[in-house]
C-alpha atoms as a PDB file:
ATOM      1  CA  UNK A   1      84.039 -75.688 106.746  1.00  0.00           C
ATOM      2  CA  UNK A   2      81.201 -77.349 108.472  1.00  0.00           C
ATOM      3  CA  UNK A   3      82.900 -77.416 111.786  1.00  0.00           C
ATOM      4  CA  UNK A   4      83.335 -73.537 111.206  1.00  0.00           C
ATOM      5  CA  UNK A   5      79.814 -73.286 110.225  1.00  0.00           C
ATOM      6  CA  UNK A   6      78.875 -75.245 113.255  1.00  0.00           C
ATOM      7  CA  UNK A   7      81.110 -73.179 115.468  1.00  0.00           C
ATOM      8  CA  UNK A   8      79.495 -69.915 113.924  1.00  0.00           C
ATOM      9  CA  UNK A   9      75.972 -71.477 114.671  1.00  0.00           C
ATOM     10  CA  UNK A  10      76.826 -72.116 117.847  1.00  0.00           C
ATOM     11  CA  UNK A  11      78.237 -68.482 118.968  1.00  0.00           C
ATOM     12  CA  UNK A  12      75.215 -67.007 117.453  1.00  0.00           C
ATOM     13  CA  UNK A  13      72.723 -68.762 119.187  1.00  0.00           C
ATOM     14  CA  UNK A  14      74.347 -68.109 122.469  1.00  0.00           C
ATOM     15  CA  UNK A  15      75.497 -64.712 122.029  1.00  0.00           C
ATOM     16  CA  UNK A  16      73.077 -63.060 119.086  1.00  0.00           C
ATOM     17  CA  UNK A  17      74.626 -61.860 115.694  1.00  0.00           C
ATOM     18  CA  UNK A  18      77.702 -60.315 117.408  1.00  0.00           C
ATOM     19  CA  UNK A  19      78.411 -63.370 119.143  1.00  0.00           C
ATOM     20  CA  UNK A  20      81.091 -64.454 116.977  1.00  0.00           C
ATOM     21  CA  UNK A  21      82.608 -61.044 116.387  1.00  0.00           C
ATOM     22  CA  UNK A  22      82.440 -60.388 120.402  1.00  0.00           C
ATOM     23  CA  UNK A  23      84.589 -63.969 120.864  1.00  0.00           C
ATOM     24  CA  UNK A  24      87.127 -62.941 118.292  1.00  0.00           C
ATOM     25  CA  UNK A  25      87.725 -59.719 120.146  1.00  0.00           C
ATOM     26  CA  UNK A  26      87.864 -61.074 123.306  1.00  0.00           C
ATOM     27  CA  UNK A  27      90.644 -63.826 122.110  1.00  0.00           C
ATOM     28  CA  UNK A  28      92.249 -60.545 120.280  1.00  0.00           C
ATOM     29  CA  UNK A  29      92.367 -58.724 123.436  1.00  0.00           C
ATOM     30  CA  UNK A  30      93.957 -61.937 125.170  1.00  0.00           C
ATOM     31  CA  UNK A  31      96.973 -62.346 122.337  1.00  0.00           C
ATOM     32  CA  UNK A  32      97.557 -58.566 122.774  1.00  0.00           C
ATOM     33  CA  UNK A  33      97.866 -59.425 125.991  1.00  0.00           C
ATOM     34  CA  UNK A  34     100.532 -62.029 125.739  1.00  0.00           C
ATOM     35  CA  UNK A  35     102.358 -60.364 123.261  1.00  0.00           C
ATOM     36  CA  UNK A  36     102.620 -56.658 124.538  1.00  0.00           C
ATOM     37  CA  UNK A  37     105.854 -58.056 126.851  1.00  0.00           C
ATOM     38  CA  UNK A  38     107.527 -59.081 124.075  1.00  0.00           C
ATOM     39  CA  UNK A  39     107.127 -56.418 121.749  1.00  0.00           C
ATOM     40  CA  UNK A  40     107.567 -54.230 124.765  1.00  0.00           C
ATOM     41  CA  UNK A  41     111.114 -55.421 125.685  1.00  0.00           C
ATOM     42  CA  UNK A  42     113.790 -53.488 125.100  1.00  0.00           C
ATOM     43  CA  UNK A  43     117.523 -55.122 124.227  1.00  0.00           C
ATOM     44  CA  UNK A  44     119.993 -53.603 126.104  1.00  0.00           C
ATOM     45  CA  UNK A  45     122.382 -51.713 124.283  1.00  0.00           C
ATOM     46  CA  UNK A  46     126.308 -52.798 124.663  1.00  0.00           C
ATOM     47  CA  UNK A  47     127.095 -49.391 125.107  1.00  0.00           C
ATOM     48  CA  UNK A  48     124.949 -48.924 128.168  1.00  0.00           C
ATOM     49  CA  UNK A  49     126.369 -51.925 129.629  1.00  0.00           C
ATOM     50  CA  UNK A  50     129.655 -50.410 129.575  1.00  0.00           C
ATOM     51  CA  UNK A  51     128.657 -47.331 130.901  1.00  0.00           C
ATOM     52  CA  UNK A  52     126.815 -49.064 134.006  1.00  0.00           C
ATOM     53  CA  UNK A  53     129.821 -51.073 134.511  1.00  0.00           C
ATOM     54  CA  UNK A  54     132.027 -48.103 134.433  1.00  0.00           C
ATOM     55  CA  UNK A  55     129.855 -46.246 136.863  1.00  0.00           C
ATOM     56  CA  UNK A  56     130.213 -49.480 139.158  1.00  0.00           C
ATOM     57  CA  UNK A  57     133.807 -49.353 139.189  1.00  0.00           C
ATOM     58  CA  UNK A  58     134.118 -45.861 140.350  1.00  0.00           C
ATOM     59  CA  UNK A  59     131.318 -46.136 142.818  1.00  0.00           C
ATOM     60  CA  UNK A  60     133.673 -49.002 144.267  1.00  0.00           C
ATOM     61  CA  UNK A  61     136.456 -47.140 144.041  1.00  0.00           C
ATOM     62  CA  UNK A  62     134.781 -44.038 145.430  1.00  0.00           C
ATOM     63  CA  UNK A  63     133.592 -45.954 148.494  1.00  0.00           C
ATOM     64  CA  UNK A  64     136.027 -44.526 150.906  1.00  0.00           C
ATOM     65  CA  UNK A  65     135.133 -40.774 150.128  1.00  0.00           C
ATOM     66  CA  UNK A  66     131.616 -39.009 151.142  1.00  0.00           C
ATOM     67  CA  UNK A  67     128.511 -39.794 149.254  1.00  0.00           C
ATOM     68  CA  UNK A  68     126.518 -37.183 148.410  1.00  0.00           C
ATOM     69  CA  UNK A  69     123.592 -38.449 146.341  1.00  0.00           C
ATOM     70  CA  UNK A  70     122.050 -41.477 147.649  1.00  0.00           C
ATOM     71  CA  UNK A  71     120.978 -43.581 144.378  1.00  0.00           C
ATOM     72  CA  UNK A  72     117.855 -43.981 143.275  1.00  0.00           C
ATOM     73  CA  UNK A  73     116.686 -47.814 142.265  1.00  0.00           C
ATOM     74  CA  UNK A  74     116.271 -48.142 138.389  1.00  0.00           C
ATOM     75  CA  UNK A  75     112.451 -46.937 137.063  1.00  0.00           C
ATOM     76  CA  UNK A  76     110.615 -50.565 136.280  1.00  0.00           C
ATOM     77  CA  UNK A  77     109.216 -48.615 133.589  1.00  0.00           C
ATOM     78  CA  UNK A  78     111.767 -47.620 131.630  1.00  0.00           C
ATOM     79  CA  UNK A  79     112.403 -50.162 129.366  1.00  0.00           C
ATOM     80  CA  UNK A  80     108.701 -49.477 128.141  1.00  0.00           C
ATOM     81  CA  UNK A  81     109.722 -45.482 128.144  1.00  0.00           C
ATOM     82  CA  UNK A  82     109.418 -45.812 124.227  1.00  0.00           C
ATOM     83  CA  UNK A  83     105.649 -47.376 124.478  1.00  0.00           C
ATOM     84  CA  UNK A  84     104.309 -45.061 127.526  1.00  0.00           C
ATOM     85  CA  UNK A  85     105.861 -41.738 126.528  1.00  0.00           C
ATOM     86  CA  UNK A  86     104.678 -39.355 123.929  1.00  0.00           C
ATOM     87  CA  UNK A  87     107.031 -39.166 120.464  1.00  0.00           C
ATOM     88  CA  UNK A  88     105.549 -35.435 119.814  1.00  0.00           C
ATOM     89  CA  UNK A  89     108.176 -32.982 122.011  1.00  0.00           C
ATOM     90  CA  UNK A  90     104.899 -30.657 122.284  1.00  0.00           C
ATOM     91  CA  UNK A  91     102.568 -33.723 123.390  1.00  0.00           C
ATOM     92  CA  UNK A  92     104.916 -34.487 126.000  1.00  0.00           C
ATOM     93  CA  UNK A  93     105.411 -30.739 127.404  1.00  0.00           C
ATOM     94  CA  UNK A  94     102.167 -30.231 127.750  1.00  0.00           C
ATOM     95  CA  UNK A  95     101.576 -33.519 129.656  1.00  0.00           C
ATOM     96  CA  UNK A  96     104.769 -32.697 131.582  1.00  0.00           C
ATOM     97  CA  UNK A  97     103.592 -29.203 132.691  1.00  0.00           C
ATOM     98  CA  UNK A  98     100.199 -30.447 133.588  1.00  0.00           C
ATOM     99  CA  UNK A  99     101.681 -32.742 135.278  1.00  0.00           C
ATOM    100  CA  UNK A 100     103.715 -30.116 137.270  1.00  0.00           C
ATOM    101  CA  UNK A 101     100.525 -28.386 137.770  1.00  0.00           C
ATOM    102  CA  UNK A 102      99.038 -30.632 139.210  1.00  0.00           C
ATOM    103  CA  UNK A 103     101.896 -31.253 142.119  1.00  0.00           C
ATOM    104  CA  UNK A 104     103.726 -34.529 140.336  1.00  0.00           C
ATOM    105  CA  UNK A 105     107.665 -33.513 140.136  1.00  0.00           C
ATOM    106  CA  UNK A 106     108.882 -36.680 139.306  1.00  0.00           C
ATOM    107  CA  UNK A 107     111.006 -37.362 136.016  1.00  0.00           C
ATOM    108  CA  UNK A 108     108.851 -40.565 135.429  1.00  0.00           C
ATOM    109  CA  UNK A 109     105.593 -38.798 136.449  1.00  0.00           C
ATOM    110  CA  UNK A 110     104.519 -39.033 132.268  1.00  0.00           C
ATOM    111  CA  UNK A 111     105.617 -42.238 132.252  1.00  0.00           C
ATOM    112  CA  UNK A 112     103.679 -43.523 135.059  1.00  0.00           C
ATOM    113  CA  UNK A 113     100.686 -41.239 133.923  1.00  0.00           C
ATOM    114  CA  UNK A 114     100.342 -43.217 130.704  1.00  0.00           C
ATOM    115  CA  UNK A 115     100.994 -46.566 132.247  1.00  0.00           C
ATOM    116  CA  UNK A 116      98.202 -45.743 134.821  1.00  0.00           C
ATOM    117  CA  UNK A 117      95.411 -45.099 131.449  1.00  0.00           C
ATOM    118  CA  UNK A 118      97.212 -48.307 129.922  1.00  0.00           C
ATOM    119  CA  UNK A 119      96.488 -50.907 132.799  1.00  0.00           C
ATOM    120  CA  UNK A 120      93.571 -49.267 133.970  1.00  0.00           C
ATOM    121  CA  UNK A 121      91.984 -49.187 130.666  1.00  0.00           C
ATOM    122  CA  UNK A 122      92.820 -52.955 130.266  1.00  0.00           C
ATOM    123  CA  UNK A 123      91.881 -54.448 133.496  1.00  0.00           C
ATOM    124  CA  UNK A 124      88.650 -52.682 133.212  1.00  0.00           C
ATOM    125  CA  UNK A 125      88.074 -53.653 129.893  1.00  0.00           C
ATOM    126  CA  UNK A 126      88.465 -57.535 131.110  1.00  0.00           C
ATOM    127  CA  UNK A 127      85.848 -56.818 133.491  1.00  0.00           C
ATOM    128  CA  UNK A 128      83.421 -55.484 131.128  1.00  0.00           C
ATOM    129  CA  UNK A 129      84.042 -58.552 128.536  1.00  0.00           C
ATOM    130  CA  UNK A 130      83.197 -61.020 131.883  1.00  0.00           C
ATOM    131  CA  UNK A 131      80.124 -58.852 132.859  1.00  0.00           C
ATOM    132  CA  UNK A 132      78.901 -59.226 129.612  1.00  0.00           C
ATOM    133  CA  UNK A 133      79.503 -62.758 129.119  1.00  0.00           C
ATOM    134  CA  UNK A 134      77.500 -63.347 132.483  1.00  0.00           C
ATOM    135  CA  UNK A 135      74.621 -60.735 131.120  1.00  0.00           C
ATOM    136  CA  UNK A 136      74.756 -63.093 128.249  1.00  0.00           C
ATOM    137  CA  UNK A 137      74.665 -66.682 129.945  1.00  0.00           C
ATOM    138  CA  UNK A 138      71.794 -65.137 132.563  1.00  0.00           C
ATOM    139  CA  UNK A 139      69.500 -63.530 130.341  1.00  0.00           C
ATOM    140  CA  UNK A 140      69.101 -61.943 126.435  1.00  0.00           C
ATOM    141  CA  UNK A 141      70.795 -58.269 126.776  1.00  0.00           C
ATOM    142  CA  UNK A 142      70.520 -56.153 123.328  1.00  0.00           C
ATOM    143  CA  UNK A 143      73.262 -56.096 121.678  1.00  0.00           C
ATOM    144  CA  UNK A 144      74.366 -52.234 122.404  1.00  0.00           C
ATOM    145  CA  UNK A 145      73.615 -53.021 125.942  1.00  0.00           C
ATOM    146  CA  UNK A 146      76.672 -55.364 125.862  1.00  0.00           C
ATOM    147  CA  UNK A 147      79.023 -53.087 123.800  1.00  0.00           C
ATOM    148  CA  UNK A 148      78.424 -50.649 126.170  1.00  0.00           C
ATOM    149  CA  UNK A 149      79.091 -52.883 128.998  1.00  0.00           C
ATOM    150  CA  UNK A 150      82.321 -53.799 127.747  1.00  0.00           C
ATOM    151  CA  UNK A 151      83.803 -50.576 126.244  1.00  0.00           C
ATOM    152  CA  UNK A 152      82.362 -48.343 128.648  1.00  0.00           C
ATOM    153  CA  UNK A 153      84.611 -49.358 132.053  1.00  0.00           C
ATOM    154  CA  UNK A 154      87.700 -49.485 129.528  1.00  0.00           C
ATOM    155  CA  UNK A 155      86.731 -45.736 128.636  1.00  0.00           C
ATOM    156  CA  UNK A 156      86.233 -44.979 132.241  1.00  0.00           C
ATOM    157  CA  UNK A 157      89.383 -46.845 133.228  1.00  0.00           C
ATOM    158  CA  UNK A 158      91.424 -44.624 130.559  1.00  0.00           C
ATOM    159  CA  UNK A 159      90.035 -41.490 131.429  1.00  0.00           C
ATOM    160  CA  UNK A 160      90.015 -41.792 135.136  1.00  0.00           C
ATOM    161  CA  UNK A 161      94.127 -40.622 135.432  1.00  0.00           C
ATOM    162  CA  UNK A 162      93.215 -37.710 133.012  1.00  0.00           C
ATOM    163  CA  UNK A 163      90.386 -36.895 135.399  1.00  0.00           C
ATOM    164  CA  UNK A 164      92.335 -36.777 138.657  1.00  0.00           C
ATOM    165  CA  UNK A 165      95.118 -34.853 137.539  1.00  0.00           C
ATOM    166  CA  UNK A 166      92.902 -32.402 135.981  1.00  0.00           C
ATOM    167  CA  UNK A 167      90.859 -32.149 139.875  1.00  0.00           C
ATOM    168  CA  UNK A 168      94.266 -32.412 141.312  1.00  0.00           C
ATOM    169  CA  UNK A 169      95.365 -29.227 139.016  1.00  0.00           C
ATOM    170  CA  UNK A 170      92.474 -27.254 139.841  1.00  0.00           C
ATOM    171  CA  UNK A 171      92.357 -27.855 143.815  1.00  0.00           C
ATOM    172  CA  UNK A 172      95.982 -26.843 143.984  1.00  0.00           C
ATOM    173  CA  UNK A 173      95.788 -23.729 141.960  1.00  0.00           C
ATOM    174  CA  UNK A 174      92.786 -22.827 143.916  1.00  0.00           C
ATOM    175  CA  UNK A 175      94.894 -22.836 147.220  1.00  0.00           C
ATOM    176  CA  UNK A 176      97.483 -20.925 145.362  1.00  0.00           C
ATOM    177  CA  UNK A 177      94.944 -18.341 144.689  1.00  0.00           C
ATOM    178  CA  UNK A 178      93.755 -18.186 148.163  1.00  0.00           C
ATOM    179  CA  UNK A 179      96.838 -17.872 149.360  1.00  0.00           C
ATOM    180  CA  UNK A 180      99.069 -15.542 147.377  1.00  0.00           C
ATOM    181  CA  UNK A 181      97.896 -12.130 148.792  1.00  0.00           C
ATOM    182  CA  UNK A 182      98.801 -13.125 152.662  1.00  0.00           C
ATOM    183  CA  UNK A 183     102.215 -14.695 151.279  1.00  0.00           C
ATOM    184  CA  UNK A 184     102.482 -11.250 149.643  1.00  0.00           C
ATOM    185  CA  UNK A 185     101.792  -9.086 152.796  1.00  0.00           C
ATOM    186  CA  UNK A 186     104.340 -11.418 154.822  1.00  0.00           C
ATOM    187  CA  UNK A 187     106.710 -11.145 152.074  1.00  0.00           C
ATOM    188  CA  UNK A 188     106.589  -7.302 152.282  1.00  0.00           C
ATOM    189  CA  UNK A 189     106.875  -7.382 156.380  1.00  0.00           C
ATOM    190  CA  UNK A 190     109.818  -9.189 155.563  1.00  0.00           C
ATOM    191  CA  UNK A 191     111.203  -7.108 152.981  1.00  0.00           C
ATOM    192  CA  UNK A 192     110.698  -3.861 155.039  1.00  0.00           C
ATOM    193  CA  UNK A 193     112.306  -5.193 158.128  1.00  0.00           C
ATOM    194  CA  UNK A 194     115.460  -5.507 156.357  1.00  0.00           C
ATOM    195  CA  UNK A 195     115.834  -8.762 155.001  1.00  0.00           C
ATOM    196  CA  UNK A 196     116.568  -9.615 151.242  1.00  0.00           C
ATOM    197  CA  UNK A 197     114.152 -11.085 148.454  1.00  0.00           C
ATOM    198  CA  UNK A 198     115.528 -14.642 148.959  1.00  0.00           C
ATOM    199  CA  UNK A 199     115.300 -14.874 152.752  1.00  0.00           C
ATOM    200  CA  UNK A 200     111.991 -13.382 152.602  1.00  0.00           C
ATOM    201  CA  UNK A 201     110.740 -16.300 150.163  1.00  0.00           C
ATOM    202  CA  UNK A 202     112.450 -18.650 152.846  1.00  0.00           C
ATOM    203  CA  UNK A 203     110.708 -17.156 155.408  1.00  0.00           C
ATOM    204  CA  UNK A 204     107.363 -16.990 153.688  1.00  0.00           C
ATOM    205  CA  UNK A 205     107.585 -20.452 152.377  1.00  0.00           C
ATOM    206  CA  UNK A 206     108.384 -21.885 156.097  1.00  0.00           C
ATOM    207  CA  UNK A 207     105.367 -20.083 157.884  1.00  0.00           C
ATOM    208  CA  UNK A 208     102.564 -20.650 155.462  1.00  0.00           C
ATOM    209  CA  UNK A 209     103.796 -24.539 154.948  1.00  0.00           C
ATOM    210  CA  UNK A 210     100.614 -25.396 157.738  1.00  0.00           C
ATOM    211  CA  UNK A 211      97.875 -23.345 155.604  1.00  0.00           C
ATOM    212  CA  UNK A 212      98.892 -23.423 151.771  1.00  0.00           C
ATOM    213  CA  UNK A 213     101.432 -26.156 151.691  1.00  0.00           C
ATOM    214  CA  UNK A 214     101.199 -25.891 147.635  1.00  0.00           C
ATOM    215  CA  UNK A 215     102.049 -22.446 147.665  1.00  0.00           C
ATOM    216  CA  UNK A 216     105.199 -22.949 150.167  1.00  0.00           C
ATOM    217  CA  UNK A 217     106.164 -25.722 148.086  1.00  0.00           C
ATOM    218  CA  UNK A 218     106.959 -23.516 145.184  1.00  0.00           C
ATOM    219  CA  UNK A 219     108.221 -21.133 147.595  1.00  0.00           C
ATOM    220  CA  UNK A 220     110.560 -23.593 148.598  1.00  0.00           C
ATOM    221  CA  UNK A 221     111.610 -24.749 144.944  1.00  0.00           C
ATOM    222  CA  UNK A 222     112.381 -21.056 144.108  1.00  0.00           C
ATOM    223  CA  UNK A 223     114.440 -20.950 147.396  1.00  0.00           C
ATOM    224  CA  UNK A 224     116.501 -23.764 146.153  1.00  0.00           C
ATOM    225  CA  UNK A 225     117.140 -23.129 142.538  1.00  0.00           C
ATOM    226  CA  UNK A 226     118.019 -19.849 143.984  1.00  0.00           C
ATOM    227  CA  UNK A 227     120.740 -21.548 146.174  1.00  0.00           C
ATOM    228  CA  UNK A 228     121.852 -23.365 143.399  1.00  0.00           C
ATOM    229  CA  UNK A 229     122.857 -20.401 141.136  1.00  0.00           C
ATOM    230  CA  UNK A 230     120.189 -20.550 138.759  1.00  0.00           C
ATOM    231  CA  UNK A 231     119.549 -17.327 137.112  1.00  0.00           C
ATOM    232  CA  UNK A 232     116.849 -15.280 139.379  1.00  0.00           C
ATOM    233  CA  UNK A 233     114.770 -14.364 136.273  1.00  0.00           C
ATOM    234  CA  UNK A 234     114.538 -17.847 134.929  1.00  0.00           C
ATOM    235  CA  UNK A 235     113.520 -18.962 138.370  1.00  0.00           C
ATOM    236  CA  UNK A 236     110.712 -16.939 139.007  1.00  0.00           C
ATOM    237  CA  UNK A 237     109.324 -17.772 135.181  1.00  0.00           C
ATOM    238  CA  UNK A 238     109.780 -21.283 136.207  1.00  0.00           C
ATOM    239  CA  UNK A 239     107.321 -20.444 139.082  1.00  0.00           C
ATOM    240  CA  UNK A 240     104.547 -18.886 137.008  1.00  0.00           C
ATOM    241  CA  UNK A 241     104.568 -22.131 134.561  1.00  0.00           C
ATOM    242  CA  UNK A 242     104.404 -24.389 137.225  1.00  0.00           C
ATOM    243  CA  UNK A 243     101.683 -22.544 139.296  1.00  0.00           C
ATOM    244  CA  UNK A 244      99.716 -22.208 136.193  1.00  0.00           C
ATOM    245  CA  UNK A 245      97.625 -18.940 138.199  1.00  0.00           C
ATOM    246  CA  UNK A 246      97.462 -15.276 136.381  1.00  0.00           C
ATOM    247  CA  UNK A 247      97.935 -13.761 139.976  1.00  0.00           C
ATOM    248  CA  UNK A 248     101.673 -15.173 140.224  1.00  0.00           C
ATOM    249  CA  UNK A 249     102.501 -14.850 136.529  1.00  0.00           C
ATOM    250  CA  UNK A 250     101.689 -11.016 137.131  1.00  0.00           C
ATOM    251  CA  UNK A 251     103.584 -11.096 140.466  1.00  0.00           C
ATOM    252  CA  UNK A 252     107.022 -12.455 138.661  1.00  0.00           C
ATOM    253  CA  UNK A 253     106.222 -10.035 135.606  1.00  0.00           C
ATOM    254  CA  UNK A 254     106.760  -7.251 138.218  1.00  0.00           C
ATOM    255  CA  UNK A 255     109.697  -8.531 139.904  1.00  0.00           C
ATOM    256  CA  UNK A 256     111.286  -9.112 136.884  1.00  0.00           C
ATOM    257  CA  UNK A 257     110.758  -5.421 135.691  1.00  0.00           C
ATOM    258  CA  UNK A 258     111.611  -4.240 138.890  1.00  0.00           C
ATOM    259  CA  UNK A 259     114.952  -5.916 138.828  1.00  0.00           C
ATOM    260  CA  UNK A 260     115.104  -4.661 135.183  1.00  0.00           C
ATOM    261  CA  UNK A 261     114.671  -0.916 135.742  1.00  0.00           C
ATOM    262  CA  UNK A 262     116.501  -0.807 139.285  1.00  0.00           C
ATOM    263  CA  UNK A 263     113.352   0.299 141.434  1.00  0.00           C
ATOM    264  CA  UNK A 264     112.517  -0.681 145.044  1.00  0.00           C
ATOM    265  CA  UNK A 265     111.203  -3.892 145.398  1.00  0.00           C
ATOM    266  CA  UNK A 266     109.491  -3.245 148.697  1.00  0.00           C
ATOM    267  CA  UNK A 267     107.601  -0.242 146.618  1.00  0.00           C
ATOM    268  CA  UNK A 268     106.652  -3.129 144.146  1.00  0.00           C
ATOM    269  CA  UNK A 269     105.740  -5.595 146.714  1.00  0.00           C
ATOM    270  CA  UNK A 270     103.460  -2.791 148.479  1.00  0.00           C
ATOM    271  CA  UNK A 271     101.558  -1.856 145.382  1.00  0.00           C
ATOM    272  CA  UNK A 272     100.932  -5.239 144.146  1.00  0.00           C
ATOM    273  CA  UNK A 273      99.999  -6.698 147.738  1.00  0.00           C
ATOM    274  CA  UNK A 274      97.648  -3.896 147.924  1.00  0.00           C
ATOM    275  CA  UNK A 275      96.064  -4.647 144.615  1.00  0.00           C
ATOM    276  CA  UNK A 276      95.784  -8.404 145.649  1.00  0.00           C
ATOM    277  CA  UNK A 277      93.911  -7.522 148.740  1.00  0.00           C
ATOM    278  CA  UNK A 278      91.417  -5.838 146.306  1.00  0.00           C
ATOM    279  CA  UNK A 279      91.336  -8.386 144.022  1.00  0.00           C
ATOM    280  CA  UNK A 280      90.559 -10.925 146.570  1.00  0.00           C
ATOM    281  CA  UNK A 281      87.608  -8.711 148.449  1.00  0.00           C
ATOM    282  CA  UNK A 282      86.246  -8.424 144.753  1.00  0.00           C
ATOM    283  CA  UNK A 283      86.312 -12.086 144.102  1.00  0.00           C
ATOM    284  CA  UNK A 284      84.543 -12.468 147.488  1.00  0.00           C
ATOM    285  CA  UNK A 285      82.124  -9.901 146.428  1.00  0.00           C
ATOM    286  CA  UNK A 286      81.164 -11.794 143.534  1.00  0.00           C
ATOM    287  CA  UNK A 287      80.815 -15.210 144.848  1.00  0.00           C
ATOM    288  CA  UNK A 288      78.685 -13.366 147.250  1.00  0.00           C
ATOM    289  CA  UNK A 289      76.526 -11.808 144.318  1.00  0.00           C
ATOM    290  CA  UNK A 290      75.994 -14.992 142.470  1.00  0.00           C
ATOM    291  CA  UNK A 291      74.484 -17.090 145.966  1.00  0.00           C
ATOM    292  CA  UNK A 292      71.062 -15.563 145.247  1.00  0.00           C
ATOM    293  CA  UNK A 293      70.896 -16.704 142.186  1.00  0.00           C
ATOM    294  CA  UNK A 294      71.938 -20.341 143.153  1.00  0.00           C
ATOM    295  CA  UNK A 295      69.588 -20.445 146.313  1.00  0.00           C
ATOM    296  CA  UNK A 296      66.507 -19.590 143.856  1.00  0.00           C
ATOM    297  CA  UNK A 297      66.219 -23.248 142.426  1.00  0.00           C
ATOM    298  CA  UNK A 298      66.609 -24.565 145.984  1.00  0.00           C
ATOM    299  CA  UNK A 299      64.026 -22.287 147.303  1.00  0.00           C
ATOM    300  CA  UNK A 300      61.693 -22.791 144.733  1.00  0.00           C
ATOM    301  CA  UNK A 301      62.354 -26.766 145.486  1.00  0.00           C
ATOM    302  CA  UNK A 302      61.753 -26.591 149.119  1.00  0.00           C
ATOM    303  CA  UNK A 303      59.201 -23.815 149.766  1.00  0.00           C
ATOM    304  CA  UNK A 304      57.008 -23.572 147.014  1.00  0.00           C
ATOM    305  CA  UNK A 305      55.518 -27.246 147.173  1.00  0.00           C
ATOM    306  CA  UNK A 306      55.297 -27.346 151.160  1.00  0.00           C
ATOM    307  CA  UNK A 307      53.241 -23.960 150.663  1.00  0.00           C
ATOM    308  CA  UNK A 308      51.343 -25.067 148.346  1.00  0.00           C
ATOM    309  CA  UNK A 309      49.662 -27.614 150.093  1.00  0.00           C
ATOM    310  CA  UNK A 310      49.431 -25.730 153.049  1.00  0.00           C
ATOM    311  CA  UNK A 311      47.088 -23.112 150.968  1.00  0.00           C
ATOM    312  CA  UNK A 312      45.431 -25.205 148.606  1.00  0.00           C
ATOM    313  CA  UNK A 313      45.625 -28.824 150.740  1.00  0.00           C
ATOM    314  CA  UNK A 314      42.220 -27.898 152.619  1.00  0.00           C
ATOM    315  CA  UNK A 315      40.179 -26.531 149.721  1.00  0.00           C
ATOM    316  CA  UNK A 316      41.269 -29.552 147.244  1.00  0.00           C
ATOM    317  CA  UNK A 317      40.153 -31.680 150.203  1.00  0.00           C
ATOM    318  CA  UNK A 318      37.010 -30.218 151.133  1.00  0.00           C
ATOM    319  CA  UNK A 319      36.073 -30.080 146.982  1.00  0.00           C
ATOM    320  CA  UNK A 320      36.643 -33.961 146.977  1.00  0.00           C
ATOM    321  CA  UNK A 321      34.519 -34.637 150.072  1.00  0.00           C
ATOM    322  CA  UNK A 322      31.809 -32.372 148.050  1.00  0.00           C
ATOM    323  CA  UNK A 323      31.997 -34.579 145.348  1.00  0.00           C
ATOM    324  CA  UNK A 324      31.889 -38.057 147.284  1.00  0.00           C
ATOM    325  CA  UNK A 325      28.588 -36.872 148.902  1.00  0.00           C
ATOM    326  CA  UNK A 326      26.978 -35.566 145.556  1.00  0.00           C
ATOM    327  CA  UNK A 327      28.015 -38.493 144.179  1.00  0.00           C
ATOM    328  CA  UNK A 328      26.188 -40.319 146.773  1.00  0.00           C
END
């Protein structure tokens, strides 16, 4: 007990009243890092081994035939999938949809996203702990400052992937909104020239790829799924869900209704393309109308102070000189 009391006294003198708790927290963190590989290690199922051996034997027997697919290496994070992927189906679907709208289509995107959150949080927590120890040894910071320095980087590292995905999603949706009216005009020209809707989508995806790669990628995905034999209505709904843009959702609704009621697709495209052009003009006018309000603060900060200095400065100078002469 005397040894523990001496150790507690030494830690309190070095790191303040929360010194023992800080040391215990750092030791616990290192123990967690040491035990995580053991806890996350997934035992191989004997049935999985049999399936792997069977697939290998089939691959060896089919070496003489043409290979239609190139095998991709096994994902290194697969054995941690139970830890990294959400168990709730709704939560998993929401994160999966957000990553799709941000442009990350890999089947392991959710797993990699959570791994980055976990890894960055742990790494920056270690960095924060090291900085806190350095601050404590070089000075006498408060306990609140030590907690902020330790936990702040960890929280920032955990939130950084979420912030990146959100910004990427917003940028991609903005690009789709900007390029969608032009793509509709081009699609209308292709349909009126005699091409089918599938051929028009392929042509539009090729033409707008340089200016709007995100929208071109969506059109290419639609073309590939249609060529694979997937139902057209389901393909269009999937496109609307991946884009996450109201304009695309309305366009998909128009095409589905046109196909359901047997009306002309060219006429539907003509009406909707005109509406999208008008909407783009109104969006530009809205931004132009908000510009004077945004410039008011900058105008006041950059124009009013110099103007006051020019107008009032000489008078203030003369008043100061007058007072100086009167005092003398």
